[in-house]
C-alpha atoms as a PDB file:
ATOM      1  CA  MET A   1       7.072  19.871  15.652  1.00  0.00           C
ATOM      2  CA  LYS A   2       7.018  19.664  11.807  1.00  0.00           C
ATOM      3  CA  GLN A   3       4.609  21.806   9.813  1.00  0.00           C
ATOM      4  CA  LEU A   4       1.464  20.521   8.301  1.00  0.00           C
ATOM      5  CA  ASN A   5       1.818  20.661   4.494  1.00  0.00           C
ATOM      6  CA  HIS A   6      -0.539  20.104   1.580  1.00  0.00           C
ATOM      7  CA  VAL A   7       0.956  17.188  -0.456  1.00  0.00           C
ATOM      8  CA  THR A   8      -0.015  15.366  -3.626  1.00  0.00           C
ATOM      9  CA  HIS A   9       0.783  11.609  -4.030  1.00  0.00           C
ATOM     10  CA  GLY A  10       3.533  12.330  -6.622  1.00  0.00           C
ATOM     11  CA  PHE A  11       3.699   8.987  -8.549  1.00  0.00           C
ATOM     12  CA  PRO A  12       1.286   6.738 -10.369  1.00  0.00           C
ATOM     13  CA  PRO A  13      -0.246   3.473  -9.201  1.00  0.00           C
ATOM     14  CA  PHE A  14       1.581   0.282 -10.127  1.00  0.00           C
ATOM     15  CA  TYR A  15      -0.762  -2.179 -11.921  1.00  0.00           C
ATOM     16  CA  GLU A  16      -1.078  -4.277 -15.017  1.00  0.00           C
ATOM     17  CA  LYS A  17      -3.886  -6.156 -16.685  1.00  0.00           C
ATOM     18  CA  LYS A  18      -2.873  -9.429 -14.999  1.00  0.00           C
ATOM     19  CA  SER A  19      -2.682  -7.879 -11.535  1.00  0.00           C
ATOM     20  CA  ARG A  20      -4.758 -10.063  -9.142  1.00  0.00           C
ATOM     21  CA  ILE A  21      -4.633  -8.195  -5.854  1.00  0.00           C
ATOM     22  CA  LEU A  22      -4.468  -4.497  -5.002  1.00  0.00           C
ATOM     23  CA  ILE A  23      -2.603  -3.451  -1.814  1.00  0.00           C
ATOM     24  CA  LEU A  24      -3.296   0.046  -0.628  1.00  0.00           C
ATOM     25  CA  GLY A  25      -1.333   2.094   1.832  1.00  0.00           C
ATOM     26  CA  SER A  26      -2.765   5.292   3.322  1.00  0.00           C
ATOM     27  CA  PHE A  27      -0.297   7.861   1.735  1.00  0.00           C
ATOM     28  CA  PRO A  28       3.287   7.597   0.745  1.00  0.00           C
ATOM     29  CA  SER A  29       5.978   8.437   3.374  1.00  0.00           C
ATOM     30  CA  VAL A  30       8.342  11.257   2.836  1.00  0.00           C
ATOM     31  CA  LYS A  31      10.997   8.792   1.676  1.00  0.00           C
ATOM     32  CA  SER A  32       8.594   7.129  -0.770  1.00  0.00           C
ATOM     33  CA  ARG A  33       7.760  10.474  -2.191  1.00  0.00           C
ATOM     34  CA  GLU A  34      11.465  11.194  -2.555  1.00  0.00           C
ATOM     35  CA  VAL A  35      12.132   8.008  -4.469  1.00  0.00           C
ATOM     36  CA  SER A  36       8.727   8.206  -6.284  1.00  0.00           C
ATOM     37  CA  PHE A  37       7.949   4.602  -5.546  1.00  0.00           C
ATOM     38  CA  PHE A  38       6.098   2.567  -2.922  1.00  0.00           C
ATOM     39  CA  TYR A  39       7.468   1.521   0.434  1.00  0.00           C
ATOM     40  CA  GLY A  40      10.761   3.436  -0.050  1.00  0.00           C
ATOM     41  CA  PHE A  41      11.612   3.864   3.675  1.00  0.00           C
ATOM     42  CA  PRO A  42      14.264   1.145   4.379  1.00  0.00           C
ATOM     43  CA  ARG A  43      12.800   0.148   7.716  1.00  0.00           C
ATOM     44  CA  ASN A  44       9.295  -0.468   6.295  1.00  0.00           C
ATOM     45  CA  ARG A  45       8.824  -4.296   6.274  1.00  0.00           C
ATOM     46  CA  PHE A  46       6.500  -4.485   3.181  1.00  0.00           C
ATOM     47  CA  TRP A  47       9.090  -5.833   0.770  1.00  0.00           C
ATOM     48  CA  GLN A  48      10.492  -8.400   3.379  1.00  0.00           C
ATOM     49  CA  VAL A  49       7.013  -9.671   4.171  1.00  0.00           C
ATOM     50  CA  THR A  50       5.750 -10.037   0.635  1.00  0.00           C
ATOM     51  CA  ALA A  51       8.971 -11.533  -0.500  1.00  0.00           C
ATOM     52  CA  GLU A  52       8.935 -14.132   2.159  1.00  0.00           C
ATOM     53  CA  LEU A  53       5.271 -15.051   1.381  1.00  0.00           C
ATOM     54  CA  ARG A  54       6.018 -15.327  -2.281  1.00  0.00           C
ATOM     55  CA  LYS A  55       9.311 -17.368  -1.548  1.00  0.00           C
ATOM     56  CA  CYS A  56      11.415 -14.797  -3.402  1.00  0.00           C
ATOM     57  CA  ALA A  57      14.492 -12.769  -2.585  1.00  0.00           C
ATOM     58  CA  VAL A  58      13.804  -9.329  -1.078  1.00  0.00           C
ATOM     59  CA  PRO A  59      13.881  -6.886  -4.021  1.00  0.00           C
ATOM     60  CA  ALA A  60      16.244  -3.929  -3.512  1.00  0.00           C
ATOM     61  CA  SER A  61      16.180  -1.639  -6.497  1.00  0.00           C
ATOM     62  CA  GLU A  62      13.050  -0.094  -8.009  1.00  0.00           C
ATOM     63  CA  GLU A  63      13.514  -2.372 -11.018  1.00  0.00           C
ATOM     64  CA  GLU A  64      13.641  -5.375  -8.844  1.00  0.00           C
ATOM     65  CA  LYS A  65      10.537  -4.233  -6.979  1.00  0.00           C
ATOM     66  CA  ARG A  66       8.675  -3.648 -10.261  1.00  0.00           C
ATOM     67  CA  GLU A  67       9.607  -7.151 -11.493  1.00  0.00           C
ATOM     68  CA  PHE A  68       8.602  -8.733  -8.187  1.00  0.00           C
ATOM     69  CA  LEU A  69       5.144  -7.047  -8.419  1.00  0.00           C
ATOM     70  CA  HIS A  70       4.683  -7.927 -12.076  1.00  0.00           C
ATOM     71  CA  ARG A  71       5.759 -11.574 -11.527  1.00  0.00           C
ATOM     72  CA  ASN A  72       3.450 -11.927  -8.558  1.00  0.00           C
ATOM     73  CA  ARG A  73       0.561 -10.028  -9.986  1.00  0.00           C
ATOM     74  CA  ILE A  74       0.450  -7.411  -7.280  1.00  0.00           C
ATOM     75  CA  ALA A  75      -0.855  -3.898  -7.868  1.00  0.00           C
ATOM     76  CA  LEU A  76       0.005  -1.104  -5.425  1.00  0.00           C
ATOM     77  CA  TYR A  77      -1.421   2.332  -4.645  1.00  0.00           C
ATOM     78  CA  ASP A  78      -2.647   4.406  -1.796  1.00  0.00           C
ATOM     79  CA  VAL A  79      -6.070   5.513  -0.478  1.00  0.00           C
ATOM     80  CA  ILE A  80      -5.191   9.197  -0.599  1.00  0.00           C
ATOM     81  CA  GLU A  81      -4.289  11.181  -3.639  1.00  0.00           C
ATOM     82  CA  GLU A  82      -3.822  14.523  -1.771  1.00  0.00           C
ATOM     83  CA  CYS A  83      -3.958  15.682   1.940  1.00  0.00           C
ATOM     84  CA  ASP A  84      -2.483  17.822   4.492  1.00  0.00           C
ATOM     85  CA  ILE A  85       0.180  15.867   6.388  1.00  0.00           C
ATOM     86  CA  ARG A  86       2.980  16.458   8.839  1.00  0.00           C
ATOM     87  CA  GLY A  87       6.077  14.548   7.655  1.00  0.00           C
ATOM     88  CA  SER A  88       5.014  10.882   7.264  1.00  0.00           C
ATOM     89  CA  SER A  89       2.673  10.899  10.138  1.00  0.00           C
ATOM     90  CA  ASP A  90      -0.595   9.090   9.348  1.00  0.00           C
ATOM     91  CA  SER A  91      -2.167  10.502  12.514  1.00  0.00           C
ATOM     92  CA  SER A  92      -1.698  14.087  11.201  1.00  0.00           C
ATOM     93  CA  ILE A  93      -3.680  13.446   7.897  1.00  0.00           C
ATOM     94  CA  THR A  94      -6.536  15.961   7.148  1.00  0.00           C
ATOM     95  CA  ASN A  95      -8.229  17.485   4.174  1.00  0.00           C
ATOM     96  CA  VAL A  96      -8.213  14.206   2.330  1.00  0.00           C
ATOM     97  CA  ILE A  97      -8.808  13.911  -1.444  1.00  0.00           C
ATOM     98  CA  PRO A  98      -9.151  10.197  -2.053  1.00  0.00           C
ATOM     99  CA  ALA A  99      -7.510   8.362  -4.918  1.00  0.00           C
ATOM    100  CA  ASP A 100      -9.575   7.233  -7.947  1.00  0.00           C
ATOM    101  CA  LEU A 101      -9.157   3.483  -8.095  1.00  0.00           C
ATOM    102  CA  LYS A 102     -11.723   2.877 -10.927  1.00  0.00           C
ATOM    103  CA  PRO A 103      -9.041   2.835 -13.662  1.00  0.00           C
ATOM    104  CA  ILE A 104      -7.168   0.205 -11.816  1.00  0.00           C
ATOM    105  CA  LEU A 105     -10.278  -1.846 -11.237  1.00  0.00           C
ATOM    106  CA  LYS A 106     -11.434  -1.388 -14.723  1.00  0.00           C
ATOM    107  CA  LYS A 107      -8.177  -2.514 -16.404  1.00  0.00           C
ATOM    108  CA  ALA A 108      -6.770  -5.052 -13.993  1.00  0.00           C
ATOM    109  CA  GLU A 109      -8.295  -8.404 -12.965  1.00  0.00           C
ATOM    110  CA  ILE A 110      -8.335  -7.556  -9.200  1.00  0.00           C
ATOM    111  CA  ARG A 111      -9.723 -10.385  -7.093  1.00  0.00           C
ATOM    112  CA  ALA A 112      -9.193  -8.623  -3.755  1.00  0.00           C
ATOM    113  CA  ILE A 113      -8.281  -5.288  -2.225  1.00  0.00           C
ATOM    114  CA  PHE A 114      -6.046  -5.217   0.897  1.00  0.00           C
ATOM    115  CA  VAL A 115      -5.292  -2.249   2.956  1.00  0.00           C
ATOM    116  CA  ASN A 116      -1.960  -1.974   4.907  1.00  0.00           C
ATOM    117  CA  GLY A 117      -2.749  -0.904   8.350  1.00  0.00           C
ATOM    118  CA  ALA A 118      -5.444   0.679  10.447  1.00  0.00           C
ATOM    119  CA  THR A 119      -5.294   4.268   8.957  1.00  0.00           C
ATOM    120  CA  ALA A 120      -5.502   2.893   5.425  1.00  0.00           C
ATOM    121  CA  SER A 121      -8.489   0.761   6.447  1.00  0.00           C
ATOM    122  CA  LYS A 122     -10.318   3.570   8.130  1.00  0.00           C
ATOM    123  CA  LEU A 123      -9.697   6.010   5.185  1.00  0.00           C
ATOM    124  CA  TYR A 124     -10.720   3.293   2.608  1.00  0.00           C
ATOM    125  CA  ASP A 125     -13.988   2.542   4.565  1.00  0.00           C
ATOM    126  CA  ARG A 126     -14.805   6.259   4.761  1.00  0.00           C
ATOM    127  CA  TYR A 127     -13.850   7.417   1.249  1.00  0.00           C
ATOM    128  CA  LEU A 128     -13.675   4.567  -1.208  1.00  0.00           C
ATOM    129  CA  GLU A 129     -15.777   1.614  -0.175  1.00  0.00           C
ATOM    130  CA  PRO A 130     -19.110   3.557  -0.316  1.00  0.00           C
ATOM    131  CA  GLU A 131     -18.422   4.407  -3.965  1.00  0.00           C
ATOM    132  CA  LEU A 132     -16.680   1.254  -5.134  1.00  0.00           C
ATOM    133  CA  LYS A 133     -18.868  -1.210  -3.131  1.00  0.00           C
ATOM    134  CA  VAL A 134     -15.883  -3.434  -2.728  1.00  0.00           C
ATOM    135  CA  PRO A 135     -14.802  -4.171   0.804  1.00  0.00           C
ATOM    136  CA  ALA A 136     -11.086  -4.263   1.713  1.00  0.00           C
ATOM    137  CA  ILE A 137      -9.305  -6.816   3.819  1.00  0.00           C
ATOM    138  CA  ARG A 138      -7.367  -5.107   6.532  1.00  0.00           C
ATOM    139  CA  LEU A 139      -3.807  -6.312   7.158  1.00  0.00           C
ATOM    140  CA  PRO A 140      -1.522  -5.093  10.030  1.00  0.00           C
ATOM    141  CA  SER A 141       0.741  -2.274   8.972  1.00  0.00           C
ATOM    142  CA  THR A 142       4.330  -3.109   7.847  1.00  0.00           C
ATOM    143  CA  SER A 143       5.420   0.399   9.056  1.00  0.00           C
ATOM    144  CA  PRO A 144       8.194   0.361  11.589  1.00  0.00           C
ATOM    145  CA  ALA A 145       5.786   2.565  13.667  1.00  0.00           C
ATOM    146  CA  ASN A 146       3.889  -0.755  14.144  1.00  0.00           C
ATOM    147  CA  ALA A 147       6.721  -2.083  16.382  1.00  0.00           C
ATOM    148  CA  ALA A 148       4.399  -4.500  18.410  1.00  0.00           C
ATOM    149  CA  TRP A 149       4.204  -6.690  15.394  1.00  0.00           C
ATOM    150  CA  SER A 150       7.213  -8.913  14.615  1.00  0.00           C
ATOM    151  CA  LEU A 151       8.166  -9.929  11.130  1.00  0.00           C
ATOM    152  CA  GLU A 152       6.989 -13.424  11.769  1.00  0.00           C
ATOM    153  CA  LYS A 153       3.603 -12.162  13.188  1.00  0.00           C
ATOM    154  CA  LEU A 154       3.127  -9.981  10.065  1.00  0.00           C
ATOM    155  CA  GLU A 155       3.971 -12.815   7.778  1.00  0.00           C
ATOM    156  CA  ALA A 156       1.336 -15.008   9.463  1.00  0.00           C
ATOM    157  CA  GLU A 157      -1.410 -12.386   9.021  1.00  0.00           C
ATOM    158  CA  TRP A 158      -0.263 -11.342   5.482  1.00  0.00           C
ATOM    159  CA  LYS A 159      -0.264 -14.994   4.237  1.00  0.00           C
ATOM    160  CA  ILE A 160      -3.921 -14.437   3.129  1.00  0.00           C
ATOM    161  CA  ILE A 161      -2.648 -12.591  -0.019  1.00  0.00           C
ATOM    162  CA  ASN A 162      -1.420 -15.965  -1.313  1.00  0.00           C
ATOM    163  CA  GLU A 163      -4.975 -17.254  -1.498  1.00  0.00           C
ATOM    164  CA  TYR A 164      -5.691 -14.768  -4.265  1.00  0.00           C
ATOM    165  CA  LEU A 165      -2.397 -15.154  -6.043  1.00  0.00           C
ATOM    166  CA  ASP A 166      -2.077 -18.938  -6.317  1.00  0.00           C
END
């Protein structure tokens, strides 16, 4: 079994003044921390799902991903800034230091906050919603660990983001 390590997020949020939605994961995976950008694990379906919903090609490089987020007015970050974690296992997360979302919400024109998966939702509700007073909309996780959800089923649930972007 992998060791529990204290880890910091490692890279900044992605947002701009014209961002309309904020999508929060729980904490970046090992692969995302290695590449210093969101949803870096190749089997995570985040980029496939969002690209399909926005009728775009799936972005591959970090530059393409940043352009996709910019063009579609999507901000990304995570609920947790620091924690103890074993590898990329959300179920092992302890000793949470939540992210400070106030700078994002102050600068960007966020219309809705979405959380990617049950753990992100639970952590947001516990650590951030009481302070921000902004409820988050829970979406099913795009992680490959959520194998019960097909790509089509994820797209059907995630299509709500278009209501805030169009």
